[in-house]
């Protein structure tokens, strides 16, 4: 490339950039320019922040519920009956005499005869 052709390219580039400047005027800078940019940024981030707050709240509630259920299961105060801590033989030995009258007749017949099957 010769020196003249380089100068020609520079002149064409200068004309192109001048046409671009004329076609796209620079944005007017005002005192509220920075504030306007931050407002636009915050509008875009609003959904993300709301979703993050919701997710954090749900995680906190899940942890609290998990700890509450774990303390309920682990605490000895909330065991409803000793049936689950007794063996089958312990329960049978405690209920040696039936409480219902029909069962009392079956367990102890009137004649006193116990037949072997």
N, C-alpha and C. Protein backbone atom coordinates (compact mmCIF):
# COMPACT_ATOMS: atom_id res chain seq x y z
N UNK A 1 0.83 -1.16 0.00
CA UNK A 1 0.00 0.00 0.00
C UNK A 1 0.89 1.24 0.00
N UNK A 2 0.53 2.15 -0.81
CA UNK A 2 1.33 3.37 -0.90
C UNK A 2 0.80 4.40 0.08
N UNK A 3 1.58 5.47 0.24
CA UNK A 3 1.23 6.52 1.20
C UNK A 3 -0.03 7.26 0.76
N UNK A 4 -0.21 7.46 -0.56
CA UNK A 4 -1.39 8.17 -1.04
C UNK A 4 -2.66 7.36 -0.78
N UNK A 5 -2.59 6.07 -0.97
CA UNK A 5 -3.79 5.26 -0.75
C UNK A 5 -4.15 5.22 0.75
N UNK A 6 -3.14 5.28 1.60
CA UNK A 6 -3.40 5.32 3.04
C UNK A 6 -4.11 6.62 3.41
N UNK A 7 -3.70 7.72 2.82
CA UNK A 7 -4.35 9.00 3.06
C UNK A 7 -5.79 9.00 2.55
N UNK A 8 -5.98 8.32 1.41
CA UNK A 8 -7.33 8.19 0.87
C UNK A 8 -8.23 7.41 1.82
N UNK A 9 -7.71 6.34 2.40
CA UNK A 9 -8.48 5.53 3.36
C UNK A 9 -8.81 6.35 4.60
N UNK A 10 -7.87 7.16 5.06
CA UNK A 10 -8.13 7.99 6.23
C UNK A 10 -9.23 9.01 5.97
N UNK A 11 -9.21 9.57 4.76
CA UNK A 11 -10.24 10.55 4.41
C UNK A 11 -11.61 9.89 4.32
N UNK A 12 -11.67 8.70 3.76
CA UNK A 12 -12.95 7.97 3.68
C UNK A 12 -13.46 7.61 5.07
N UNK A 13 -12.54 7.21 5.94
CA UNK A 13 -12.93 6.87 7.31
C UNK A 13 -13.44 8.12 8.04
N UNK A 14 -12.79 9.24 7.84
CA UNK A 14 -13.24 10.49 8.46
C UNK A 14 -14.64 10.87 7.99
N UNK A 15 -14.90 10.70 6.67
CA UNK A 15 -16.23 11.02 6.14
C UNK A 15 -17.29 10.06 6.71
N UNK A 16 -16.92 8.80 6.84
CA UNK A 16 -17.86 7.80 7.39
C UNK A 16 -18.20 8.12 8.84
N UNK A 17 -17.19 8.46 9.63
CA UNK A 17 -17.43 8.78 11.04
C UNK A 17 -18.23 10.07 11.18
N UNK A 18 -18.01 11.03 10.27
CA UNK A 18 -18.78 12.28 10.30
C UNK A 18 -20.24 12.01 9.97
N UNK A 19 -20.48 11.14 9.00
CA UNK A 19 -21.86 10.78 8.64
C UNK A 19 -22.54 10.06 9.80
N UNK A 20 -21.79 9.23 10.50
CA UNK A 20 -22.34 8.52 11.66
C UNK A 20 -22.69 9.51 12.77
N UNK A 21 -21.81 10.46 13.04
CA UNK A 21 -22.08 11.50 14.06
C UNK A 21 -23.32 12.30 13.72
N UNK A 22 -23.51 12.59 12.45
CA UNK A 22 -24.70 13.35 12.04
C UNK A 22 -25.97 12.51 12.16
N UNK A 23 -25.87 11.23 11.86
CA UNK A 23 -27.05 10.36 11.90
C UNK A 23 -27.46 10.03 13.34
N UNK A 24 -26.50 9.91 14.22
CA UNK A 24 -26.78 9.55 15.62
C UNK A 24 -26.28 10.65 16.54
N UNK A 25 -27.14 11.56 16.90
CA UNK A 25 -26.67 12.63 17.79
C UNK A 25 -26.36 12.07 19.18
N UNK A 26 -25.41 12.64 19.87
CA UNK A 26 -25.07 12.12 21.21
C UNK A 26 -26.23 12.37 22.17
N UNK A 27 -26.40 11.47 23.12
CA UNK A 27 -27.49 11.66 24.08
C UNK A 27 -27.21 12.88 24.94
N UNK A 28 -28.26 13.60 25.22
CA UNK A 28 -28.09 14.80 26.04
C UNK A 28 -27.83 14.43 27.48
N UNK A 29 -26.78 14.93 28.03
CA UNK A 29 -26.46 14.66 29.43
C UNK A 29 -27.16 15.69 30.29
N UNK A 30 -27.88 15.19 31.25
CA UNK A 30 -28.62 16.08 32.14
C UNK A 30 -28.20 15.77 33.58
N UNK A 31 -28.63 16.59 34.53
CA UNK A 31 -28.27 16.31 35.94
C UNK A 31 -28.85 14.99 36.45
N UNK A 32 -29.95 14.52 35.87
CA UNK A 32 -30.55 13.27 36.33
C UNK A 32 -30.13 12.06 35.53
N UNK A 33 -29.04 12.17 34.77
CA UNK A 33 -28.61 11.07 33.91
C UNK A 33 -28.25 9.83 34.73
N UNK A 34 -27.42 10.00 35.74
CA UNK A 34 -26.99 8.87 36.56
C UNK A 34 -28.17 8.28 37.33
N UNK A 35 -29.03 9.14 37.84
CA UNK A 35 -30.21 8.66 38.56
C UNK A 35 -31.11 7.85 37.63
N UNK A 36 -31.27 8.30 36.42
CA UNK A 36 -32.08 7.57 35.44
C UNK A 36 -31.52 6.20 35.14
N UNK A 37 -30.21 6.12 35.05
CA UNK A 37 -29.58 4.82 34.80
C UNK A 37 -29.83 3.88 35.97
N UNK A 38 -29.67 4.39 37.19
CA UNK A 38 -29.90 3.55 38.37
C UNK A 38 -31.35 3.11 38.49
N UNK A 39 -32.28 3.95 38.11
CA UNK A 39 -33.70 3.57 38.13
C UNK A 39 -33.93 2.40 37.17
N UNK A 40 -33.35 2.46 36.00
CA UNK A 40 -33.50 1.38 35.02
C UNK A 40 -32.88 0.08 35.54
N UNK A 41 -31.72 0.21 36.15
CA UNK A 41 -31.05 -0.98 36.70
C UNK A 41 -31.89 -1.60 37.81
N UNK A 42 -32.41 -0.78 38.70
CA UNK A 42 -33.21 -1.29 39.81
C UNK A 42 -34.51 -1.93 39.32
N UNK A 43 -35.12 -1.42 38.27
CA UNK A 43 -36.33 -2.03 37.72
C UNK A 43 -36.04 -3.43 37.20
N UNK A 44 -34.88 -3.61 36.63
CA UNK A 44 -34.52 -4.94 36.12
C UNK A 44 -34.20 -5.90 37.26
N UNK A 45 -33.67 -5.39 38.35
CA UNK A 45 -33.27 -6.25 39.47
C UNK A 45 -34.41 -6.52 40.43
N UNK A 46 -35.51 -5.81 40.30
CA UNK A 46 -36.61 -5.93 41.26
C UNK A 46 -37.16 -7.36 41.32
N UNK A 47 -37.39 -7.98 40.17
CA UNK A 47 -37.93 -9.34 40.14
C UNK A 47 -36.96 -10.31 40.79
N UNK A 48 -35.68 -10.17 40.48
CA UNK A 48 -34.68 -11.07 41.05
C UNK A 48 -34.63 -10.93 42.56
N UNK A 49 -34.68 -9.72 43.06
CA UNK A 49 -34.64 -9.52 44.50
C UNK A 49 -35.90 -10.06 45.18
N UNK A 50 -37.06 -9.89 44.56
CA UNK A 50 -38.30 -10.42 45.14
C UNK A 50 -38.27 -11.94 45.17
N UNK A 51 -37.78 -12.54 44.11
CA UNK A 51 -37.68 -14.00 44.07
C UNK A 51 -36.68 -14.51 45.11
N UNK A 52 -35.58 -13.79 45.29
CA UNK A 52 -34.59 -14.19 46.28
C UNK A 52 -35.17 -14.10 47.69
N UNK A 53 -35.92 -13.04 47.98
CA UNK A 53 -36.54 -12.91 49.30
C UNK A 53 -37.54 -14.02 49.55
N UNK A 54 -38.33 -14.36 48.55
CA UNK A 54 -39.30 -15.44 48.69
C UNK A 54 -38.58 -16.77 48.94
N UNK A 55 -37.54 -17.04 48.20
CA UNK A 55 -36.79 -18.29 48.38
C UNK A 55 -36.15 -18.35 49.75
N UNK A 56 -35.57 -17.25 50.22
CA UNK A 56 -34.97 -17.24 51.55
C UNK A 56 -36.02 -17.45 52.64
N UNK A 57 -37.19 -16.87 52.47
CA UNK A 57 -38.27 -17.06 53.44
C UNK A 57 -38.74 -18.50 53.49
N UNK A 58 -38.87 -19.13 52.32
CA UNK A 58 -39.29 -20.53 52.28
C UNK A 58 -38.24 -21.45 52.88
N UNK A 59 -36.98 -21.17 52.63
CA UNK A 59 -35.92 -22.00 53.21
C UNK A 59 -35.91 -21.84 54.73
N UNK A 60 -36.08 -20.63 55.22
CA UNK A 60 -36.12 -20.40 56.66
C UNK A 60 -37.30 -21.13 57.29
N UNK A 61 -38.46 -21.07 56.66
CA UNK A 61 -39.63 -21.77 57.18
C UNK A 61 -39.43 -23.28 57.18
N UNK A 62 -38.79 -23.81 56.13
CA UNK A 62 -38.54 -25.24 56.06
C UNK A 62 -37.57 -25.69 57.15
N UNK A 63 -36.55 -24.90 57.41
CA UNK A 63 -35.60 -25.24 58.48
C UNK A 63 -36.28 -25.19 59.84
N UNK A 64 -37.11 -24.18 60.05
CA UNK A 64 -37.81 -24.07 61.33
C UNK A 64 -38.77 -25.24 61.52
N UNK A 65 -39.49 -25.62 60.48
CA UNK A 65 -40.42 -26.74 60.58
C UNK A 65 -39.67 -28.05 60.80
N UNK A 66 -38.54 -28.21 60.15
CA UNK A 66 -37.73 -29.42 60.35
C UNK A 66 -37.23 -29.52 61.78
N UNK A 67 -36.74 -28.42 62.33
CA UNK A 67 -36.28 -28.44 63.72
C UNK A 67 -37.43 -28.70 64.69
N UNK A 68 -38.59 -28.15 64.41
CA UNK A 68 -39.76 -28.38 65.26
C UNK A 68 -40.17 -29.85 65.23
N UNK A 69 -40.21 -30.43 64.05
CA UNK A 69 -40.59 -31.85 63.96
C UNK A 69 -39.54 -32.75 64.59
N UNK A 70 -38.27 -32.41 64.43
CA UNK A 70 -37.21 -33.22 65.05
C UNK A 70 -37.28 -33.15 66.57
N UNK A 71 -37.56 -31.97 67.11
CA UNK A 71 -37.67 -31.88 68.57
C UNK A 71 -38.91 -32.61 69.07
N UNK A 72 -39.98 -32.62 68.29
CA UNK A 72 -41.20 -33.35 68.68
C UNK A 72 -40.93 -34.85 68.72
N UNK A 73 -40.23 -35.36 67.72
CA UNK A 73 -39.96 -36.78 67.65
C UNK A 73 -38.96 -37.20 68.73
N UNK A 74 -37.98 -36.36 69.01
CA UNK A 74 -36.92 -36.72 69.95
C UNK A 74 -37.30 -36.52 71.41
N UNK A 75 -38.30 -35.71 71.69
CA UNK A 75 -38.62 -35.41 73.10
C UNK A 75 -39.44 -36.54 73.71
N UNK A 76 -39.15 -36.90 74.97
CA UNK A 76 -39.89 -37.97 75.64
C UNK A 76 -41.26 -37.50 76.15
N UNK A 77 -41.54 -36.21 76.18
CA UNK A 77 -42.80 -35.72 76.73
C UNK A 77 -43.98 -36.01 75.83
N UNK A 78 -43.76 -36.18 74.56
CA UNK A 78 -44.86 -36.33 73.63
C UNK A 78 -45.16 -37.77 73.26
N UNK A 79 -44.64 -38.73 73.99
CA UNK A 79 -44.97 -40.11 73.70
C UNK A 79 -46.35 -40.40 74.25
N UNK A 80 -47.24 -40.81 73.36
CA UNK A 80 -48.65 -40.87 73.71
C UNK A 80 -49.01 -42.03 74.64
N UNK A 81 -48.45 -43.19 74.45
CA UNK A 81 -48.80 -44.30 75.32
C UNK A 81 -47.63 -45.27 75.43
N UNK A 82 -47.60 -46.03 76.52
CA UNK A 82 -46.50 -46.99 76.68
C UNK A 82 -46.66 -48.24 75.82
N UNK A 83 -47.69 -48.31 75.01
CA UNK A 83 -47.92 -49.48 74.18
C UNK A 83 -46.74 -49.72 73.25
N UNK A 84 -46.17 -48.65 72.75
CA UNK A 84 -45.09 -48.81 71.80
C UNK A 84 -43.76 -49.16 72.46
N UNK A 85 -43.66 -48.94 73.76
CA UNK A 85 -42.41 -49.28 74.44
C UNK A 85 -42.50 -50.63 75.14
N UNK A 86 -43.67 -51.24 75.17
CA UNK A 86 -43.85 -52.53 75.83
C UNK A 86 -43.82 -53.65 74.79
N UNK A 87 -43.42 -54.84 75.25
CA UNK A 87 -43.43 -55.99 74.35
C UNK A 87 -44.82 -56.61 74.35
N UNK A 88 -45.03 -57.53 73.48
CA UNK A 88 -46.33 -58.19 73.36
C UNK A 88 -46.63 -58.97 74.64
N UNK A 89 -45.65 -59.63 75.20
CA UNK A 89 -45.86 -60.40 76.43
C UNK A 89 -46.16 -59.50 77.63
N UNK A 90 -45.54 -58.31 77.67
CA UNK A 90 -45.85 -57.37 78.75
C UNK A 90 -47.30 -56.92 78.70
N UNK A 91 -47.79 -56.66 77.53
CA UNK A 91 -49.18 -56.23 77.37
C UNK A 91 -50.12 -57.36 77.75
N UNK A 92 -49.82 -58.59 77.34
CA UNK A 92 -50.68 -59.72 77.69
C UNK A 92 -50.68 -59.99 79.19
N UNK A 93 -49.55 -59.84 79.85
CA UNK A 93 -49.50 -60.10 81.29
C UNK A 93 -50.26 -59.04 82.08
N UNK A 94 -50.31 -57.82 81.58
CA UNK A 94 -51.06 -56.77 82.25
C UNK A 94 -52.56 -56.96 82.09
N UNK A 95 -52.98 -57.54 80.98
CA UNK A 95 -54.40 -57.77 80.73
C UNK A 95 -54.72 -59.24 80.87
N UNK A 96 -54.49 -59.81 82.01
CA UNK A 96 -54.75 -61.24 82.20
C UNK A 96 -56.25 -61.53 82.31
N UNK A 97 -57.03 -60.59 82.84
CA UNK A 97 -58.47 -60.77 82.95
C UNK A 97 -59.16 -59.86 81.94
N UNK A 98 -59.98 -60.42 81.05
CA UNK A 98 -60.68 -59.58 80.08
C UNK A 98 -61.68 -58.66 80.78
N UNK A 99 -61.87 -57.48 80.26
CA UNK A 99 -62.75 -56.50 80.88
C UNK A 99 -64.19 -56.60 80.36
N UNK A 100 -64.39 -57.08 79.18
CA UNK A 100 -65.72 -57.15 78.59
C UNK A 100 -66.44 -58.41 79.10
N UNK A 101 -67.75 -58.33 79.47
CA UNK A 101 -68.46 -59.50 80.04
C UNK A 101 -68.50 -60.69 79.08
N UNK A 102 -68.64 -60.47 77.79
CA UNK A 102 -68.68 -61.59 76.85
C UNK A 102 -67.34 -62.30 76.81
N UNK A 103 -66.28 -61.55 76.88
CA UNK A 103 -64.94 -62.16 76.88
C UNK A 103 -64.67 -62.86 78.21
N UNK A 104 -65.28 -62.37 79.28
CA UNK A 104 -65.10 -62.99 80.59
C UNK A 104 -65.71 -64.38 80.61
N UNK A 105 -66.85 -64.57 79.95
CA UNK A 105 -67.49 -65.90 79.88
C UNK A 105 -66.66 -66.84 79.03
N UNK A 106 -66.05 -66.32 77.97
CA UNK A 106 -65.22 -67.19 77.13
C UNK A 106 -63.97 -67.61 77.89
N UNK A 107 -63.39 -66.70 78.62
CA UNK A 107 -62.17 -67.02 79.35
C UNK A 107 -62.43 -67.94 80.53
N UNK A 108 -63.57 -67.75 81.19
CA UNK A 108 -63.92 -68.57 82.36
C UNK A 108 -65.34 -69.09 82.16
N UNK A 109 -65.50 -70.24 81.55
CA UNK A 109 -66.87 -70.76 81.31
C UNK A 109 -67.56 -71.09 82.64
N UNK A 110 -68.90 -71.08 82.60
CA UNK A 110 -69.70 -71.29 83.81
C UNK A 110 -69.51 -72.68 84.38
N UNK A 111 -69.37 -73.67 83.55
CA UNK A 111 -69.23 -75.04 84.02
C UNK A 111 -67.87 -75.33 84.61
N UNK A 112 -66.90 -74.55 84.29
CA UNK A 112 -65.56 -74.76 84.81
C UNK A 112 -64.77 -75.80 84.06
N UNK A 113 -65.35 -76.38 83.02
CA UNK A 113 -64.64 -77.40 82.26
C UNK A 113 -63.87 -76.75 81.13
N UNK A 114 -62.62 -77.05 81.10
CA UNK A 114 -61.78 -76.56 80.02
C UNK A 114 -61.46 -77.74 79.13
N UNK A 115 -61.95 -77.68 77.93
CA UNK A 115 -61.70 -78.79 77.01
C UNK A 115 -60.44 -78.51 76.21
N UNK A 116 -59.71 -79.53 76.00
CA UNK A 116 -58.53 -79.42 75.17
C UNK A 116 -58.93 -79.67 73.74
N UNK A 117 -58.53 -78.88 72.91
CA UNK A 117 -58.89 -79.03 71.50
C UNK A 117 -57.91 -79.90 70.80
